Amino acid sequence: LDWFRGERYQDFFKFMDSTGGFWLHRWGNNPIRTFAVALLLEDSDVRSLDMPYAHQDYCSCGPESPPCKRATPSGHFSCTEAVTSVGGHINFSIAAAD
């Protein structure tokens, strides 16, 4: 969290805020933080989590995993196999937001 409180990120955030995009275009904090990480950090300082993730119409079961399947009529995504951090396999069911 120190990085987000630091001068570089705060300057970036203040600039983005000054454009009015948060109000005019309903920018959320996730894309802004993602842009800041991509622009202001070295690749070696960024970590990626290999875990299932679903949001609205997007779903990822993780790298080297089979694609997500969407159940009907519930609309829930499911991953048949996803590699965990210890190398085992576990089933996941991820609810998609409407």
N, C-alpha and C. Protein backbone atom coordinates (compact mmCIF):
# COMPACT_ATOMS: atom_id res chain seq x y z
N LEU A 1 0.81 -1.21 0.00
CA LEU A 1 0.00 0.00 0.00
C LEU A 1 0.84 1.26 0.00
N ASP A 2 2.07 1.15 0.47
CA ASP A 2 2.94 2.33 0.48
C ASP A 2 3.11 2.92 -0.92
N TRP A 3 3.19 2.04 -1.93
CA TRP A 3 3.37 2.53 -3.30
C TRP A 3 2.18 3.39 -3.73
N PHE A 4 0.96 2.96 -3.39
CA PHE A 4 -0.22 3.74 -3.76
C PHE A 4 -0.29 5.07 -3.01
N ARG A 5 0.35 5.15 -1.88
CA ARG A 5 0.39 6.40 -1.11
C ARG A 5 1.56 7.29 -1.52
N GLY A 6 2.46 6.74 -2.33
CA GLY A 6 3.67 7.45 -2.73
C GLY A 6 3.40 8.58 -3.71
N GLU A 7 4.42 9.40 -3.89
CA GLU A 7 4.30 10.61 -4.71
C GLU A 7 4.00 10.30 -6.18
N ARG A 8 4.69 9.31 -6.75
CA ARG A 8 4.48 9.01 -8.18
C ARG A 8 3.03 8.60 -8.46
N TYR A 9 2.50 7.69 -7.64
CA TYR A 9 1.12 7.25 -7.86
C TYR A 9 0.15 8.39 -7.58
N GLN A 10 0.37 9.13 -6.51
CA GLN A 10 -0.53 10.24 -6.18
C GLN A 10 -0.54 11.30 -7.28
N ASP A 11 0.61 11.59 -7.87
CA ASP A 11 0.67 12.54 -8.99
C ASP A 11 -0.12 12.00 -10.19
N PHE A 12 0.06 10.73 -10.48
CA PHE A 12 -0.67 10.10 -11.57
C PHE A 12 -2.17 10.17 -11.31
N PHE A 13 -2.58 9.80 -10.09
CA PHE A 13 -4.00 9.79 -9.75
C PHE A 13 -4.60 11.20 -9.83
N LYS A 14 -3.88 12.18 -9.33
CA LYS A 14 -4.37 13.57 -9.38
C LYS A 14 -4.53 14.04 -10.82
N PHE A 15 -3.58 13.65 -11.69
CA PHE A 15 -3.71 14.00 -13.09
C PHE A 15 -4.96 13.36 -13.69
N MET A 16 -5.14 12.05 -13.46
CA MET A 16 -6.32 11.36 -14.00
C MET A 16 -7.60 11.99 -13.46
N ASP A 17 -7.61 12.34 -12.19
CA ASP A 17 -8.78 12.98 -11.59
C ASP A 17 -9.04 14.34 -12.23
N SER A 18 -7.99 15.06 -12.57
CA SER A 18 -8.15 16.40 -13.14
C SER A 18 -8.80 16.38 -14.52
N THR A 19 -8.77 15.23 -15.20
CA THR A 19 -9.38 15.15 -16.53
C THR A 19 -10.90 15.03 -16.47
N GLY A 20 -11.43 14.71 -15.28
CA GLY A 20 -12.88 14.58 -15.11
C GLY A 20 -13.44 13.22 -15.50
N GLY A 21 -12.57 12.28 -15.88
CA GLY A 21 -13.04 10.98 -16.34
C GLY A 21 -13.76 10.14 -15.31
N PHE A 22 -13.44 10.33 -14.03
CA PHE A 22 -14.13 9.57 -12.99
C PHE A 22 -15.61 9.92 -12.99
N TRP A 23 -15.92 11.19 -13.19
CA TRP A 23 -17.31 11.63 -13.18
C TRP A 23 -17.95 11.53 -14.55
N LEU A 24 -17.26 11.96 -15.59
CA LEU A 24 -17.85 12.01 -16.92
C LEU A 24 -17.99 10.63 -17.57
N HIS A 25 -17.01 9.76 -17.34
CA HIS A 25 -17.00 8.47 -18.02
C HIS A 25 -17.10 7.29 -17.06
N ARG A 26 -17.31 7.58 -15.78
CA ARG A 26 -17.48 6.55 -14.74
C ARG A 26 -16.29 5.60 -14.65
N TRP A 27 -15.07 6.17 -14.78
CA TRP A 27 -13.88 5.35 -14.61
C TRP A 27 -13.89 4.76 -13.21
N GLY A 28 -13.51 3.52 -13.10
CA GLY A 28 -13.39 2.87 -11.81
C GLY A 28 -11.95 2.85 -11.35
N ASN A 29 -11.74 2.45 -10.11
CA ASN A 29 -10.39 2.43 -9.55
C ASN A 29 -9.53 1.31 -10.12
N ASN A 30 -10.14 0.18 -10.51
CA ASN A 30 -9.34 -0.94 -11.02
C ASN A 30 -8.57 -0.60 -12.29
N PRO A 31 -9.22 -0.05 -13.33
CA PRO A 31 -8.44 0.29 -14.52
C PRO A 31 -7.36 1.33 -14.25
N ILE A 32 -7.67 2.30 -13.41
CA ILE A 32 -6.69 3.35 -13.11
C ILE A 32 -5.48 2.75 -12.39
N ARG A 33 -5.73 1.88 -11.44
CA ARG A 33 -4.61 1.23 -10.74
C ARG A 33 -3.82 0.34 -11.70
N THR A 34 -4.51 -0.36 -12.58
CA THR A 34 -3.83 -1.21 -13.55
C THR A 34 -2.95 -0.39 -14.48
N PHE A 35 -3.47 0.74 -14.98
CA PHE A 35 -2.67 1.62 -15.83
C PHE A 35 -1.45 2.13 -15.07
N ALA A 36 -1.64 2.52 -13.82
CA ALA A 36 -0.53 3.05 -13.02
C ALA A 36 0.54 1.97 -12.82
N VAL A 37 0.13 0.77 -12.51
CA VAL A 37 1.09 -0.33 -12.33
C VAL A 37 1.86 -0.56 -13.62
N ALA A 38 1.15 -0.58 -14.75
CA ALA A 38 1.81 -0.82 -16.04
C ALA A 38 2.76 0.32 -16.41
N LEU A 39 2.39 1.55 -16.09
CA LEU A 39 3.21 2.70 -16.49
C LEU A 39 4.35 3.02 -15.53
N LEU A 40 4.13 2.79 -14.24
CA LEU A 40 5.06 3.31 -13.24
C LEU A 40 5.94 2.26 -12.57
N LEU A 41 5.63 0.99 -12.73
CA LEU A 41 6.44 -0.05 -12.09
C LEU A 41 7.23 -0.84 -13.12
N GLU A 42 8.34 -1.38 -12.70
CA GLU A 42 9.12 -2.29 -13.54
C GLU A 42 8.41 -3.65 -13.57
N ASP A 43 8.56 -4.37 -14.67
CA ASP A 43 7.93 -5.69 -14.77
C ASP A 43 8.34 -6.60 -13.62
N SER A 44 9.56 -6.51 -13.18
CA SER A 44 10.05 -7.37 -12.10
C SER A 44 9.37 -7.06 -10.76
N ASP A 45 8.71 -5.91 -10.65
CA ASP A 45 8.02 -5.53 -9.42
C ASP A 45 6.55 -5.93 -9.41
N VAL A 46 6.09 -6.53 -10.50
CA VAL A 46 4.68 -6.89 -10.64
C VAL A 46 4.53 -8.39 -10.52
N ARG A 47 3.52 -8.83 -9.77
CA ARG A 47 3.24 -10.25 -9.61
C ARG A 47 1.88 -10.57 -10.18
N SER A 48 1.76 -11.71 -10.76
CA SER A 48 0.50 -12.16 -11.33
C SER A 48 0.03 -13.38 -10.56
N LEU A 49 -1.24 -13.41 -10.23
CA LEU A 49 -1.81 -14.55 -9.52
C LEU A 49 -2.46 -15.49 -10.51
N ASP A 50 -2.08 -16.74 -10.47
CA ASP A 50 -2.65 -17.75 -11.35
C ASP A 50 -3.82 -18.40 -10.64
N MET A 51 -4.98 -17.77 -10.77
CA MET A 51 -6.17 -18.30 -10.10
C MET A 51 -7.40 -18.00 -10.95
N PRO A 52 -8.45 -18.79 -10.79
CA PRO A 52 -9.67 -18.52 -11.55
C PRO A 52 -10.23 -17.14 -11.22
N TYR A 53 -10.79 -16.49 -12.23
CA TYR A 53 -11.36 -15.16 -12.05
C TYR A 53 -12.51 -14.97 -13.03
N ALA A 54 -13.61 -14.42 -12.55
CA ALA A 54 -14.74 -14.11 -13.43
C ALA A 54 -15.31 -12.76 -13.04
N HIS A 55 -15.69 -11.99 -14.06
CA HIS A 55 -16.34 -10.70 -13.85
C HIS A 55 -17.18 -10.40 -15.07
N GLN A 56 -18.47 -10.21 -14.87
CA GLN A 56 -19.43 -9.95 -15.93
C GLN A 56 -19.31 -11.04 -16.99
N ASP A 57 -18.95 -10.72 -18.22
CA ASP A 57 -18.88 -11.73 -19.27
C ASP A 57 -17.47 -12.27 -19.49
N TYR A 58 -16.54 -11.98 -18.60
CA TYR A 58 -15.16 -12.45 -18.72
C TYR A 58 -14.90 -13.55 -17.70
N CYS A 59 -14.21 -14.58 -18.12
CA CYS A 59 -13.81 -15.64 -17.20
C CYS A 59 -12.47 -16.21 -17.64
N SER A 60 -11.59 -16.47 -16.68
CA SER A 60 -10.32 -17.13 -16.94
C SER A 60 -10.10 -18.17 -15.85
N CYS A 61 -9.81 -19.38 -16.27
CA CYS A 61 -9.54 -20.46 -15.31
C CYS A 61 -8.07 -20.51 -14.92
N GLY A 62 -7.27 -19.62 -15.46
CA GLY A 62 -5.85 -19.60 -15.17
C GLY A 62 -5.06 -20.09 -16.38
N PRO A 63 -3.76 -19.81 -16.38
CA PRO A 63 -2.94 -20.22 -17.52
C PRO A 63 -2.87 -21.75 -17.62
N GLU A 64 -2.81 -22.22 -18.83
CA GLU A 64 -2.69 -23.65 -19.12
C GLU A 64 -3.85 -24.46 -18.56
N SER A 65 -5.01 -23.83 -18.39
CA SER A 65 -6.21 -24.52 -17.93
C SER A 65 -7.24 -24.51 -19.06
N PRO A 66 -8.16 -25.46 -19.02
CA PRO A 66 -9.20 -25.44 -20.05
C PRO A 66 -10.06 -24.18 -19.91
N PRO A 67 -10.74 -23.80 -20.99
CA PRO A 67 -11.56 -22.59 -20.93
C PRO A 67 -12.72 -22.74 -19.95
N CYS A 68 -13.22 -21.61 -19.49
CA CYS A 68 -14.39 -21.59 -18.61
C CYS A 68 -15.61 -22.09 -19.36
N LYS A 69 -16.53 -22.66 -18.61
CA LYS A 69 -17.81 -23.07 -19.17
C LYS A 69 -18.89 -22.29 -18.44
N ARG A 70 -19.91 -21.86 -19.18
CA ARG A 70 -20.99 -21.07 -18.59
C ARG A 70 -22.25 -21.93 -18.53
N ALA A 71 -22.78 -22.07 -17.33
CA ALA A 71 -23.99 -22.86 -17.14
C ALA A 71 -25.22 -22.03 -17.48
N THR A 72 -26.21 -22.69 -18.00
CA THR A 72 -27.49 -22.02 -18.23
C THR A 72 -28.52 -22.72 -17.37
N PRO A 73 -29.51 -22.11 -16.83
CA PRO A 73 -29.83 -20.69 -16.96
C PRO A 73 -29.17 -19.81 -15.90
N SER A 74 -28.39 -20.40 -14.98
CA SER A 74 -27.83 -19.62 -13.87
C SER A 74 -26.84 -18.56 -14.34
N GLY A 75 -26.11 -18.82 -15.43
CA GLY A 75 -25.10 -17.88 -15.91
C GLY A 75 -23.79 -17.98 -15.16
N HIS A 76 -23.66 -18.94 -14.24
CA HIS A 76 -22.41 -19.12 -13.50
C HIS A 76 -21.34 -19.73 -14.39
N PHE A 77 -20.12 -19.27 -14.21
CA PHE A 77 -18.97 -19.87 -14.89
C PHE A 77 -18.44 -21.01 -14.02
N SER A 78 -17.82 -21.99 -14.66
CA SER A 78 -17.14 -23.02 -13.88
C SER A 78 -15.85 -23.41 -14.59
N CYS A 79 -14.88 -23.78 -13.78
CA CYS A 79 -13.59 -24.27 -14.26
C CYS A 79 -13.51 -25.73 -13.87
N THR A 80 -13.27 -26.61 -14.83
CA THR A 80 -13.22 -28.02 -14.49
C THR A 80 -11.94 -28.39 -13.77
N GLU A 81 -10.82 -27.78 -14.16
CA GLU A 81 -9.55 -27.99 -13.49
C GLU A 81 -8.77 -26.69 -13.49
N ALA A 82 -8.21 -26.33 -12.37
CA ALA A 82 -7.34 -25.16 -12.29
C ALA A 82 -6.15 -25.52 -11.42
N VAL A 83 -4.97 -25.18 -11.84
CA VAL A 83 -3.76 -25.50 -11.09
C VAL A 83 -3.65 -24.57 -9.89
N THR A 84 -3.46 -25.15 -8.71
CA THR A 84 -3.29 -24.34 -7.51
C THR A 84 -1.81 -24.03 -7.31
N SER A 85 -1.52 -23.20 -6.32
CA SER A 85 -0.14 -22.78 -6.08
C SER A 85 0.74 -23.94 -5.64
N VAL A 86 0.17 -25.03 -5.14
CA VAL A 86 0.97 -26.18 -4.72
C VAL A 86 1.02 -27.27 -5.78
N GLY A 87 0.46 -27.00 -6.97
CA GLY A 87 0.56 -27.95 -8.07
C GLY A 87 -0.55 -28.99 -8.12
N GLY A 88 -1.50 -28.94 -7.20
CA GLY A 88 -2.61 -29.89 -7.24
C GLY A 88 -3.72 -29.40 -8.14
N HIS A 89 -4.79 -30.17 -8.20
CA HIS A 89 -5.94 -29.77 -8.99
C HIS A 89 -7.15 -29.64 -8.08
N ILE A 90 -7.97 -28.64 -8.35
CA ILE A 90 -9.15 -28.41 -7.54
C ILE A 90 -10.26 -27.87 -8.44
N ASN A 91 -11.49 -28.17 -8.13
CA ASN A 91 -12.61 -27.66 -8.91
C ASN A 91 -13.04 -26.32 -8.36
N PHE A 92 -13.38 -25.42 -9.27
CA PHE A 92 -13.85 -24.10 -8.89
C PHE A 92 -15.20 -23.84 -9.53
N SER A 93 -16.02 -23.11 -8.84
CA SER A 93 -17.25 -22.59 -9.43
C SER A 93 -17.27 -21.11 -9.13
N ILE A 94 -17.32 -20.31 -10.16
CA ILE A 94 -17.21 -18.87 -10.00
C ILE A 94 -18.48 -18.22 -10.50
N ALA A 95 -19.14 -17.43 -9.65
CA ALA A 95 -20.37 -16.76 -10.05
C ALA A 95 -20.03 -15.50 -10.83
N ALA A 96 -20.70 -15.32 -11.94
CA ALA A 96 -20.50 -14.11 -12.74
C ALA A 96 -21.48 -13.05 -12.30
N ALA A 97 -21.00 -11.80 -12.22
CA ALA A 97 -21.86 -10.68 -11.86
C ALA A 97 -22.73 -10.32 -13.05
N ASP A 98 -23.97 -10.01 -12.79
CA ASP A 98 -24.87 -9.59 -13.88
C ASP A 98 -24.80 -8.11 -14.09
